[in-house]
């Protein structure tokens, strides 16, 4: 079984949770169910992003929500950020920076 980990910035913020908390309760529940299925390896509609180490989960409701993640050691699914189609490119660039920072921090620990 896999584990979910949330990226936390050096100043203690969680971009994924902050994004998720802006959504309605109904969407939050649907997203939580989708994340729970990932624990068993059922990723549903997802793809690896070009020119990035990240992958995205594509959610077919709301504004076309996306969740950006990186699988580490085939065990941990690191959730970095979320967006909708309107700000996808900007959020992907930021999530790439989050991953870079996370990996550099993990190496030095």
C-alpha atoms as a PDB file:
ATOM      1  CA  UNK A   1       0.000   0.000   0.000  1.00  0.00           C
ATOM      2  CA  UNK A   2       1.180   3.495  -0.786  1.00  0.00           C
ATOM      3  CA  UNK A   3       1.350   6.511   1.513  1.00  0.00           C
ATOM      4  CA  UNK A   4       0.284  10.092   0.894  1.00  0.00           C
ATOM      5  CA  UNK A   5       2.621  12.879   1.919  1.00  0.00           C
ATOM      6  CA  UNK A   6       1.931  16.584   1.576  1.00  0.00           C
ATOM      7  CA  UNK A   7       4.619  19.005   0.535  1.00  0.00           C
ATOM      8  CA  UNK A   8       5.245  21.603   3.251  1.00  0.00           C
ATOM      9  CA  UNK A   9       7.129  24.780   2.379  1.00  0.00           C
ATOM     10  CA  UNK A  10      10.102  25.824   4.544  1.00  0.00           C
ATOM     11  CA  UNK A  11       7.817  28.383   6.214  1.00  0.00           C
ATOM     12  CA  UNK A  12       5.259  25.692   7.135  1.00  0.00           C
ATOM     13  CA  UNK A  13       2.578  26.134   4.469  1.00  0.00           C
ATOM     14  CA  UNK A  14       0.980  23.313   2.493  1.00  0.00           C
ATOM     15  CA  UNK A  15       0.115  24.546  -1.017  1.00  0.00           C
ATOM     16  CA  UNK A  16      -2.027  21.518  -1.826  1.00  0.00           C
ATOM     17  CA  UNK A  17      -4.144  21.809   1.341  1.00  0.00           C
ATOM     18  CA  UNK A  18      -4.473  25.572   0.905  1.00  0.00           C
ATOM     19  CA  UNK A  19      -5.789  25.039  -2.642  1.00  0.00           C
ATOM     20  CA  UNK A  20      -8.098  22.183  -1.619  1.00  0.00           C
ATOM     21  CA  UNK A  21      -9.587  24.227   1.202  1.00  0.00           C
ATOM     22  CA  UNK A  22     -10.771  26.875  -1.291  1.00  0.00           C
ATOM     23  CA  UNK A  23     -13.091  24.316  -2.905  1.00  0.00           C
ATOM     24  CA  UNK A  24     -16.615  23.429  -1.853  1.00  0.00           C
ATOM     25  CA  UNK A  25     -17.085  20.608   0.667  1.00  0.00           C
ATOM     26  CA  UNK A  26     -18.650  18.452  -2.046  1.00  0.00           C
ATOM     27  CA  UNK A  27     -15.557  18.791  -4.254  1.00  0.00           C
ATOM     28  CA  UNK A  28     -13.259  18.189  -1.284  1.00  0.00           C
ATOM     29  CA  UNK A  29     -15.047  14.903  -0.560  1.00  0.00           C
ATOM     30  CA  UNK A  30     -14.780  13.794  -4.192  1.00  0.00           C
ATOM     31  CA  UNK A  31     -11.079  14.647  -4.252  1.00  0.00           C
ATOM     32  CA  UNK A  32     -10.463  12.791  -0.968  1.00  0.00           C
ATOM     33  CA  UNK A  33     -12.088   9.672  -2.425  1.00  0.00           C
ATOM     34  CA  UNK A  34      -9.876   9.925  -5.489  1.00  0.00           C
ATOM     35  CA  UNK A  35      -6.734  10.329  -3.363  1.00  0.00           C
ATOM     36  CA  UNK A  36      -7.756   7.320  -1.255  1.00  0.00           C
ATOM     37  CA  UNK A  37      -8.029   5.166  -4.389  1.00  0.00           C
ATOM     38  CA  UNK A  38      -4.449   6.147  -5.238  1.00  0.00           C
ATOM     39  CA  UNK A  39      -3.289   4.439  -2.047  1.00  0.00           C
ATOM     40  CA  UNK A  40      -4.251   1.120  -3.624  1.00  0.00           C
ATOM     41  CA  UNK A  41      -2.577   1.996  -6.925  1.00  0.00           C
ATOM     42  CA  UNK A  42      -5.772   3.085  -8.709  1.00  0.00           C
ATOM     43  CA  UNK A  43      -4.742   6.468 -10.121  1.00  0.00           C
ATOM     44  CA  UNK A  44      -7.657   6.828 -12.528  1.00  0.00           C
ATOM     45  CA  UNK A  45      -7.199   9.563 -15.136  1.00  0.00           C
ATOM     46  CA  UNK A  46      -3.626  10.810 -14.800  1.00  0.00           C
ATOM     47  CA  UNK A  47      -0.557  11.490 -16.904  1.00  0.00           C
ATOM     48  CA  UNK A  48       3.098  12.398 -16.613  1.00  0.00           C
ATOM     49  CA  UNK A  49       3.757  15.998 -17.545  1.00  0.00           C
ATOM     50  CA  UNK A  50       6.128  16.901 -20.347  1.00  0.00           C
ATOM     51  CA  UNK A  51       9.278  18.789 -19.334  1.00  0.00           C
ATOM     52  CA  UNK A  52       8.638  18.055 -15.667  1.00  0.00           C
ATOM     53  CA  UNK A  53       9.200  15.351 -13.084  1.00  0.00           C
ATOM     54  CA  UNK A  54       5.584  15.749 -12.018  1.00  0.00           C
ATOM     55  CA  UNK A  55       2.424  13.914 -12.911  1.00  0.00           C
ATOM     56  CA  UNK A  56      -1.116  15.218 -12.762  1.00  0.00           C
ATOM     57  CA  UNK A  57      -4.382  13.694 -11.694  1.00  0.00           C
ATOM     58  CA  UNK A  58      -7.155  14.971 -13.911  1.00  0.00           C
ATOM     59  CA  UNK A  59     -10.512  15.458 -12.230  1.00  0.00           C
ATOM     60  CA  UNK A  60     -13.509  15.572 -14.519  1.00  0.00           C
ATOM     61  CA  UNK A  61     -15.664  17.911 -12.437  1.00  0.00           C
ATOM     62  CA  UNK A  62     -15.685  21.522 -11.364  1.00  0.00           C
ATOM     63  CA  UNK A  63     -13.386  23.708 -13.425  1.00  0.00           C
ATOM     64  CA  UNK A  64     -11.262  20.818 -14.682  1.00  0.00           C
ATOM     65  CA  UNK A  65      -9.280  20.444 -11.477  1.00  0.00           C
ATOM     66  CA  UNK A  66      -5.761  19.025 -11.469  1.00  0.00           C
ATOM     67  CA  UNK A  67      -3.579  17.712  -8.660  1.00  0.00           C
ATOM     68  CA  UNK A  68       0.191  17.694  -9.183  1.00  0.00           C
ATOM     69  CA  UNK A  69       2.196  14.931  -7.568  1.00  0.00           C
ATOM     70  CA  UNK A  70       5.419  12.962  -7.624  1.00  0.00           C
ATOM     71  CA  UNK A  71       5.684   9.311  -6.735  1.00  0.00           C
ATOM     72  CA  UNK A  72       8.782   8.609  -4.651  1.00  0.00           C
ATOM     73  CA  UNK A  73      10.272   5.132  -4.276  1.00  0.00           C
ATOM     74  CA  UNK A  74       7.002   3.634  -5.577  1.00  0.00           C
ATOM     75  CA  UNK A  75       5.608   4.066  -2.061  1.00  0.00           C
ATOM     76  CA  UNK A  76       5.042   7.720  -1.233  1.00  0.00           C
ATOM     77  CA  UNK A  77       2.802   9.932  -3.311  1.00  0.00           C
ATOM     78  CA  UNK A  78       3.885  13.515  -2.665  1.00  0.00           C
ATOM     79  CA  UNK A  79       1.015  15.944  -3.295  1.00  0.00           C
ATOM     80  CA  UNK A  80       2.474  19.306  -4.255  1.00  0.00           C
ATOM     81  CA  UNK A  81      -0.302  21.562  -5.536  1.00  0.00           C
ATOM     82  CA  UNK A  82      -3.669  21.777  -7.215  1.00  0.00           C
ATOM     83  CA  UNK A  83      -5.233  24.009  -9.819  1.00  0.00           C
ATOM     84  CA  UNK A  84      -7.899  24.334 -12.422  1.00  0.00           C
ATOM     85  CA  UNK A  85      -7.365  24.811 -16.143  1.00  0.00           C
ATOM     86  CA  UNK A  86      -7.262  28.612 -15.846  1.00  0.00           C
ATOM     87  CA  UNK A  87      -3.981  28.742 -13.881  1.00  0.00           C
ATOM     88  CA  UNK A  88      -2.503  25.349 -14.727  1.00  0.00           C
ATOM     89  CA  UNK A  89       0.767  26.526 -16.312  1.00  0.00           C
ATOM     90  CA  UNK A  90       1.622  28.854 -13.452  1.00  0.00           C
ATOM     91  CA  UNK A  91       0.862  26.244 -10.799  1.00  0.00           C
ATOM     92  CA  UNK A  92       2.892  23.560 -12.605  1.00  0.00           C
ATOM     93  CA  UNK A  93       5.946  25.860 -12.650  1.00  0.00           C
ATOM     94  CA  UNK A  94       5.520  26.520  -8.936  1.00  0.00           C
ATOM     95  CA  UNK A  95       4.992  22.815  -8.166  1.00  0.00           C
ATOM     96  CA  UNK A  96       8.220  22.021 -10.044  1.00  0.00           C
ATOM     97  CA  UNK A  97      10.021  24.476  -7.740  1.00  0.00           C
ATOM     98  CA  UNK A  98       8.385  22.877  -4.711  1.00  0.00           C
ATOM     99  CA  UNK A  99       9.599  19.452  -5.802  1.00  0.00           C
ATOM    100  CA  UNK A 100      13.123  20.744  -6.412  1.00  0.00           C
ATOM    101  CA  UNK A 101      13.168  22.310  -2.952  1.00  0.00           C
ATOM    102  CA  UNK A 102      11.739  19.146  -1.361  1.00  0.00           C
ATOM    103  CA  UNK A 103      14.336  16.906  -3.005  1.00  0.00           C
ATOM    104  CA  UNK A 104      17.229  19.192  -2.072  1.00  0.00           C
ATOM    105  CA  UNK A 105      15.984  19.307   1.526  1.00  0.00           C
ATOM    106  CA  UNK A 106      15.646  15.509   1.620  1.00  0.00           C
ATOM    107  CA  UNK A 107      19.227  15.042   0.424  1.00  0.00           C
ATOM    108  CA  UNK A 108      20.658  17.287   3.132  1.00  0.00           C
ATOM    109  CA  UNK A 109      18.677  15.703   5.985  1.00  0.00           C
END
